[in-house]
Amino acid sequence: CRVCNHSFGYKHVLQNHERTHTGEKPFECHQCHKRFTRDHHLKTHMRLHTGEKPYSCPHCDRNFVQVANLRRHLRVHTGERPYACTQCTSKFSDSNQLKAHALIHRGEKPF
């Protein structure tokens, strides 16, 4: 990379990285005109317009646009709580829950 000297094994990975410096977003949604840095981000976004939810929970009838959302949802069924508070023994299934909880230790009220 000419800006930060980071090196990459593939030219397309370098090109994607360089967009973090330039702000270029060459992939445009033709329905709402939102722009994206990567083609797969546009593809995922298009599912909002089509209603496609290709990732299904094997335990219930929920379906998701992104696989990451399915993985997070699966913790409802497994009880996994990978996000631990460093100030107390509380654990959470979602990083946003941990962030909201951390406000308590800083003396802030989340609501």
N, C-alpha and C. Protein backbone atom coordinates (compact mmCIF):
# COMPACT_ATOMS: atom_id res chain seq x y z
N CYS A 1 0.85 -1.19 0.00
CA CYS A 1 0.00 0.00 0.00
C CYS A 1 0.89 1.24 0.00
N ARG A 2 0.58 2.15 -0.90
CA ARG A 2 1.38 3.37 -1.00
C ARG A 2 1.16 4.32 0.17
N VAL A 3 0.07 4.14 0.90
CA VAL A 3 -0.23 5.05 2.01
C VAL A 3 0.38 4.56 3.32
N CYS A 4 0.17 3.28 3.65
CA CYS A 4 0.61 2.77 4.96
C CYS A 4 1.68 1.68 4.87
N ASN A 5 2.12 1.35 3.67
CA ASN A 5 3.16 0.34 3.44
C ASN A 5 2.77 -1.09 3.82
N HIS A 6 1.52 -1.32 4.07
CA HIS A 6 1.05 -2.69 4.34
C HIS A 6 1.15 -3.47 3.03
N SER A 7 1.58 -4.73 3.12
CA SER A 7 1.71 -5.52 1.89
C SER A 7 0.69 -6.65 1.87
N PHE A 8 0.32 -7.05 0.66
CA PHE A 8 -0.71 -8.07 0.46
C PHE A 8 -0.24 -9.06 -0.59
N GLY A 9 -0.71 -10.29 -0.48
CA GLY A 9 -0.33 -11.34 -1.41
C GLY A 9 -1.06 -11.29 -2.74
N TYR A 10 -2.20 -10.60 -2.76
CA TYR A 10 -3.01 -10.55 -3.98
C TYR A 10 -3.37 -9.11 -4.30
N LYS A 11 -3.35 -8.79 -5.59
CA LYS A 11 -3.63 -7.42 -6.03
C LYS A 11 -5.03 -6.97 -5.65
N HIS A 12 -6.03 -7.86 -5.76
CA HIS A 12 -7.40 -7.44 -5.44
C HIS A 12 -7.57 -7.14 -3.95
N VAL A 13 -6.80 -7.81 -3.10
CA VAL A 13 -6.85 -7.53 -1.66
C VAL A 13 -6.25 -6.15 -1.39
N LEU A 14 -5.15 -5.84 -2.08
CA LEU A 14 -4.55 -4.51 -1.98
C LEU A 14 -5.54 -3.44 -2.44
N GLN A 15 -6.21 -3.69 -3.56
CA GLN A 15 -7.18 -2.71 -4.07
C GLN A 15 -8.31 -2.48 -3.08
N ASN A 16 -8.81 -3.55 -2.48
CA ASN A 16 -9.85 -3.40 -1.45
C ASN A 16 -9.33 -2.59 -0.27
N HIS A 17 -8.10 -2.88 0.16
CA HIS A 17 -7.51 -2.17 1.29
C HIS A 17 -7.34 -0.68 0.98
N GLU A 18 -6.88 -0.37 -0.21
CA GLU A 18 -6.64 1.03 -0.57
C GLU A 18 -7.90 1.88 -0.47
N ARG A 19 -9.06 1.25 -0.63
CA ARG A 19 -10.32 1.99 -0.50
C ARG A 19 -10.55 2.50 0.92
N THR A 20 -9.90 1.87 1.92
CA THR A 20 -10.03 2.37 3.29
C THR A 20 -9.36 3.73 3.42
N HIS A 21 -8.37 4.00 2.58
CA HIS A 21 -7.68 5.29 2.60
C HIS A 21 -8.38 6.32 1.71
N THR A 22 -8.88 5.89 0.57
CA THR A 22 -9.47 6.83 -0.40
C THR A 22 -10.94 7.12 -0.14
N GLY A 23 -11.62 6.19 0.52
CA GLY A 23 -13.06 6.34 0.73
C GLY A 23 -13.88 5.97 -0.49
N GLU A 24 -13.23 5.44 -1.52
CA GLU A 24 -13.93 5.06 -2.75
C GLU A 24 -14.93 3.95 -2.48
N LYS A 25 -16.12 4.10 -3.04
CA LYS A 25 -17.18 3.09 -2.92
C LYS A 25 -17.75 2.84 -4.31
N PRO A 26 -17.12 1.94 -5.08
CA PRO A 26 -17.50 1.77 -6.48
C PRO A 26 -18.74 0.92 -6.73
N PHE A 27 -19.26 0.26 -5.71
CA PHE A 27 -20.40 -0.65 -5.91
C PHE A 27 -21.67 0.02 -5.39
N GLU A 28 -22.61 0.29 -6.31
CA GLU A 28 -23.82 1.04 -5.97
C GLU A 28 -25.07 0.18 -6.08
N CYS A 29 -25.94 0.31 -5.10
CA CYS A 29 -27.25 -0.32 -5.15
C CYS A 29 -28.12 0.49 -6.12
N HIS A 30 -28.68 -0.17 -7.11
CA HIS A 30 -29.48 0.53 -8.11
C HIS A 30 -30.90 0.82 -7.63
N GLN A 31 -31.24 0.30 -6.44
CA GLN A 31 -32.58 0.60 -5.91
C GLN A 31 -32.57 1.80 -4.98
N CYS A 32 -31.58 1.87 -4.09
CA CYS A 32 -31.57 2.97 -3.11
C CYS A 32 -30.33 3.85 -3.23
N HIS A 33 -29.41 3.49 -4.11
CA HIS A 33 -28.21 4.27 -4.41
C HIS A 33 -27.18 4.31 -3.29
N LYS A 34 -27.32 3.44 -2.30
CA LYS A 34 -26.28 3.32 -1.28
C LYS A 34 -25.05 2.70 -1.94
N ARG A 35 -23.86 3.13 -1.51
CA ARG A 35 -22.63 2.67 -2.13
C ARG A 35 -21.79 1.85 -1.15
N PHE A 36 -20.97 0.95 -1.71
CA PHE A 36 -20.18 0.02 -0.90
C PHE A 36 -18.75 -0.10 -1.43
N THR A 37 -17.84 -0.45 -0.54
CA THR A 37 -16.44 -0.62 -0.92
C THR A 37 -16.18 -1.97 -1.56
N ARG A 38 -17.02 -2.95 -1.26
CA ARG A 38 -16.80 -4.30 -1.77
C ARG A 38 -18.07 -4.86 -2.39
N ASP A 39 -17.89 -5.68 -3.41
CA ASP A 39 -19.04 -6.23 -4.13
C ASP A 39 -19.88 -7.15 -3.25
N HIS A 40 -19.25 -7.91 -2.35
CA HIS A 40 -20.05 -8.80 -1.51
C HIS A 40 -20.86 -8.03 -0.47
N HIS A 41 -20.42 -6.83 -0.10
CA HIS A 41 -21.24 -6.00 0.79
C HIS A 41 -22.51 -5.55 0.06
N LEU A 42 -22.38 -5.22 -1.22
CA LEU A 42 -23.55 -4.88 -2.02
C LEU A 42 -24.48 -6.08 -2.15
N LYS A 43 -23.92 -7.25 -2.39
CA LYS A 43 -24.74 -8.46 -2.54
C LYS A 43 -25.55 -8.73 -1.27
N THR A 44 -24.91 -8.60 -0.12
CA THR A 44 -25.62 -8.79 1.15
C THR A 44 -26.69 -7.72 1.32
N HIS A 45 -26.37 -6.47 0.99
CA HIS A 45 -27.32 -5.37 1.09
C HIS A 45 -28.56 -5.62 0.22
N MET A 46 -28.36 -6.17 -0.97
CA MET A 46 -29.47 -6.41 -1.89
C MET A 46 -30.53 -7.32 -1.28
N ARG A 47 -30.12 -8.17 -0.35
CA ARG A 47 -31.09 -9.06 0.31
C ARG A 47 -32.13 -8.27 1.10
N LEU A 48 -31.79 -7.06 1.53
CA LEU A 48 -32.78 -6.22 2.21
C LEU A 48 -33.91 -5.85 1.26
N HIS A 49 -33.57 -5.67 0.00
CA HIS A 49 -34.58 -5.31 -1.01
C HIS A 49 -35.36 -6.53 -1.48
N THR A 50 -34.70 -7.67 -1.59
CA THR A 50 -35.36 -8.87 -2.12
C THR A 50 -36.09 -9.66 -1.04
N GLY A 51 -35.69 -9.44 0.22
CA GLY A 51 -36.28 -10.21 1.31
C GLY A 51 -35.63 -11.57 1.50
N GLU A 52 -34.59 -11.86 0.72
CA GLU A 52 -33.91 -13.15 0.83
C GLU A 52 -33.22 -13.27 2.19
N LYS A 53 -33.45 -14.40 2.85
CA LYS A 53 -32.80 -14.71 4.12
C LYS A 53 -32.30 -16.15 4.03
N PRO A 54 -31.11 -16.35 3.46
CA PRO A 54 -30.65 -17.70 3.15
C PRO A 54 -30.11 -18.51 4.32
N TYR A 55 -29.94 -17.89 5.49
CA TYR A 55 -29.35 -18.61 6.63
C TYR A 55 -30.43 -18.95 7.64
N SER A 56 -30.71 -20.25 7.78
CA SER A 56 -31.81 -20.73 8.62
C SER A 56 -31.29 -21.35 9.91
N CYS A 57 -31.98 -21.08 10.99
CA CYS A 57 -31.66 -21.70 12.27
C CYS A 57 -32.17 -23.13 12.26
N PRO A 58 -31.32 -24.10 12.61
CA PRO A 58 -31.76 -25.49 12.64
C PRO A 58 -32.63 -25.83 13.85
N HIS A 59 -32.74 -24.89 14.80
CA HIS A 59 -33.48 -25.15 16.04
C HIS A 59 -34.86 -24.49 16.08
N CYS A 60 -35.08 -23.50 15.23
CA CYS A 60 -36.38 -22.80 15.22
C CYS A 60 -36.64 -22.29 13.80
N ASP A 61 -37.66 -21.49 13.64
CA ASP A 61 -38.05 -21.07 12.29
C ASP A 61 -37.46 -19.72 11.87
N ARG A 62 -36.45 -19.23 12.57
CA ARG A 62 -35.84 -17.94 12.23
C ARG A 62 -34.90 -18.08 11.04
N ASN A 63 -34.87 -17.05 10.19
CA ASN A 63 -33.98 -16.98 9.03
C ASN A 63 -33.28 -15.63 9.05
N PHE A 64 -32.07 -15.60 8.47
CA PHE A 64 -31.24 -14.41 8.57
C PHE A 64 -30.62 -14.02 7.24
N VAL A 65 -30.38 -12.72 7.08
CA VAL A 65 -29.75 -12.18 5.88
C VAL A 65 -28.26 -12.49 5.88
N GLN A 66 -27.64 -12.42 7.06
CA GLN A 66 -26.19 -12.63 7.18
C GLN A 66 -25.89 -13.82 8.08
N VAL A 67 -24.85 -14.56 7.73
CA VAL A 67 -24.46 -15.72 8.52
C VAL A 67 -24.02 -15.30 9.93
N ALA A 68 -23.43 -14.12 10.06
CA ALA A 68 -23.01 -13.64 11.38
C ALA A 68 -24.22 -13.46 12.30
N ASN A 69 -25.34 -13.03 11.75
CA ASN A 69 -26.56 -12.88 12.56
C ASN A 69 -27.09 -14.24 12.99
N LEU A 70 -26.99 -15.25 12.14
CA LEU A 70 -27.38 -16.60 12.52
C LEU A 70 -26.49 -17.11 13.65
N ARG A 71 -25.18 -16.91 13.52
CA ARG A 71 -24.25 -17.37 14.57
C ARG A 71 -24.59 -16.74 15.91
N ARG A 72 -24.87 -15.43 15.90
CA ARG A 72 -25.24 -14.75 17.15
C ARG A 72 -26.54 -15.32 17.70
N HIS A 73 -27.52 -15.55 16.83
CA HIS A 73 -28.80 -16.10 17.25
C HIS A 73 -28.65 -17.49 17.85
N LEU A 74 -27.77 -18.31 17.30
CA LEU A 74 -27.61 -19.69 17.80
C LEU A 74 -27.26 -19.73 19.28
N ARG A 75 -26.66 -18.67 19.79
CA ARG A 75 -26.31 -18.61 21.21
C ARG A 75 -27.56 -18.64 22.10
N VAL A 76 -28.70 -18.24 21.56
CA VAL A 76 -29.97 -18.34 22.29
C VAL A 76 -30.24 -19.81 22.63
N HIS A 77 -29.93 -20.69 21.69
CA HIS A 77 -30.19 -22.11 21.87
C HIS A 77 -29.08 -22.83 22.64
N THR A 78 -27.83 -22.40 22.45
CA THR A 78 -26.71 -23.09 23.09
C THR A 78 -26.42 -22.56 24.49
N GLY A 79 -26.84 -21.33 24.76
CA GLY A 79 -26.53 -20.72 26.05
C GLY A 79 -25.12 -20.16 26.12
N GLU A 80 -24.40 -20.18 25.00
CA GLU A 80 -23.02 -19.67 24.99
C GLU A 80 -23.02 -18.18 25.30
N ARG A 81 -22.08 -17.78 26.15
CA ARG A 81 -21.92 -16.37 26.52
C ARG A 81 -20.43 -16.02 26.45
N PRO A 82 -19.93 -15.76 25.25
CA PRO A 82 -18.48 -15.57 25.09
C PRO A 82 -17.94 -14.20 25.49
N TYR A 83 -18.81 -13.25 25.79
CA TYR A 83 -18.36 -11.89 26.11
C TYR A 83 -18.42 -11.68 27.62
N ALA A 84 -17.24 -11.69 28.25
CA ALA A 84 -17.15 -11.61 29.71
C ALA A 84 -16.74 -10.21 30.15
N CYS A 85 -17.37 -9.75 31.20
CA CYS A 85 -17.01 -8.47 31.80
C CYS A 85 -15.70 -8.64 32.57
N THR A 86 -14.79 -7.70 32.40
CA THR A 86 -13.50 -7.78 33.10
C THR A 86 -13.59 -7.22 34.52
N GLN A 87 -14.74 -6.61 34.86
CA GLN A 87 -14.90 -5.98 36.17
C GLN A 87 -15.70 -6.85 37.14
N CYS A 88 -16.46 -7.80 36.61
CA CYS A 88 -17.27 -8.66 37.46
C CYS A 88 -17.42 -10.02 36.77
N THR A 89 -18.29 -10.85 37.26
CA THR A 89 -18.43 -12.20 36.71
C THR A 89 -19.51 -12.32 35.63
N SER A 90 -20.09 -11.21 35.23
CA SER A 90 -21.16 -11.26 34.22
C SER A 90 -20.62 -11.67 32.85
N LYS A 91 -21.42 -12.46 32.14
CA LYS A 91 -21.10 -12.89 30.78
C LYS A 91 -22.31 -12.65 29.90
N PHE A 92 -22.05 -12.41 28.60
CA PHE A 92 -23.12 -12.05 27.68
C PHE A 92 -22.97 -12.79 26.36
N SER A 93 -24.10 -12.97 25.70
CA SER A 93 -24.10 -13.67 24.41
C SER A 93 -23.82 -12.73 23.25
N ASP A 94 -23.87 -11.43 23.49
CA ASP A 94 -23.71 -10.44 22.42
C ASP A 94 -22.78 -9.33 22.91
N SER A 95 -21.89 -8.87 22.04
CA SER A 95 -20.94 -7.83 22.42
C SER A 95 -21.64 -6.52 22.79
N ASN A 96 -22.77 -6.24 22.16
CA ASN A 96 -23.51 -5.01 22.50
C ASN A 96 -24.08 -5.07 23.90
N GLN A 97 -24.45 -6.26 24.35
CA GLN A 97 -24.93 -6.41 25.73
C GLN A 97 -23.81 -6.10 26.71
N LEU A 98 -22.60 -6.58 26.40
CA LEU A 98 -21.44 -6.30 27.25
C LEU A 98 -21.15 -4.80 27.28
N LYS A 99 -21.21 -4.13 26.14
CA LYS A 99 -20.96 -2.69 26.09
C LYS A 99 -21.96 -1.92 26.95
N ALA A 100 -23.23 -2.31 26.87
CA ALA A 100 -24.26 -1.65 27.68
C ALA A 100 -24.01 -1.91 29.16
N HIS A 101 -23.62 -3.13 29.50
CA HIS A 101 -23.33 -3.49 30.88
C HIS A 101 -22.15 -2.68 31.42
N ALA A 102 -21.13 -2.47 30.60
CA ALA A 102 -19.92 -1.75 31.04
C ALA A 102 -20.25 -0.34 31.51
N LEU A 103 -21.32 0.24 31.02
CA LEU A 103 -21.72 1.58 31.45
C LEU A 103 -22.01 1.62 32.94
N ILE A 104 -22.51 0.53 33.48
CA ILE A 104 -22.81 0.45 34.91
C ILE A 104 -21.55 0.65 35.73
N HIS A 105 -20.46 0.01 35.31
CA HIS A 105 -19.20 0.11 36.04
C HIS A 105 -18.58 1.50 35.92
N ARG A 106 -18.90 2.21 34.86
CA ARG A 106 -18.38 3.58 34.68
C ARG A 106 -19.28 4.62 35.34
N GLY A 107 -20.35 4.16 35.97
CA GLY A 107 -21.26 5.08 36.64
C GLY A 107 -22.24 5.76 35.71
N GLU A 108 -22.34 5.28 34.47
CA GLU A 108 -23.28 5.86 33.52
C GLU A 108 -24.56 5.04 33.53
N LYS A 109 -25.66 5.70 33.24
CA LYS A 109 -26.93 5.01 33.16
C LYS A 109 -27.24 4.72 31.70
N PRO A 110 -27.43 3.45 31.34
CA PRO A 110 -27.66 3.12 29.93
C PRO A 110 -28.98 3.64 29.37
N PHE A 111 -29.95 3.99 30.23
CA PHE A 111 -31.24 4.47 29.72
C PHE A 111 -31.64 5.73 30.43
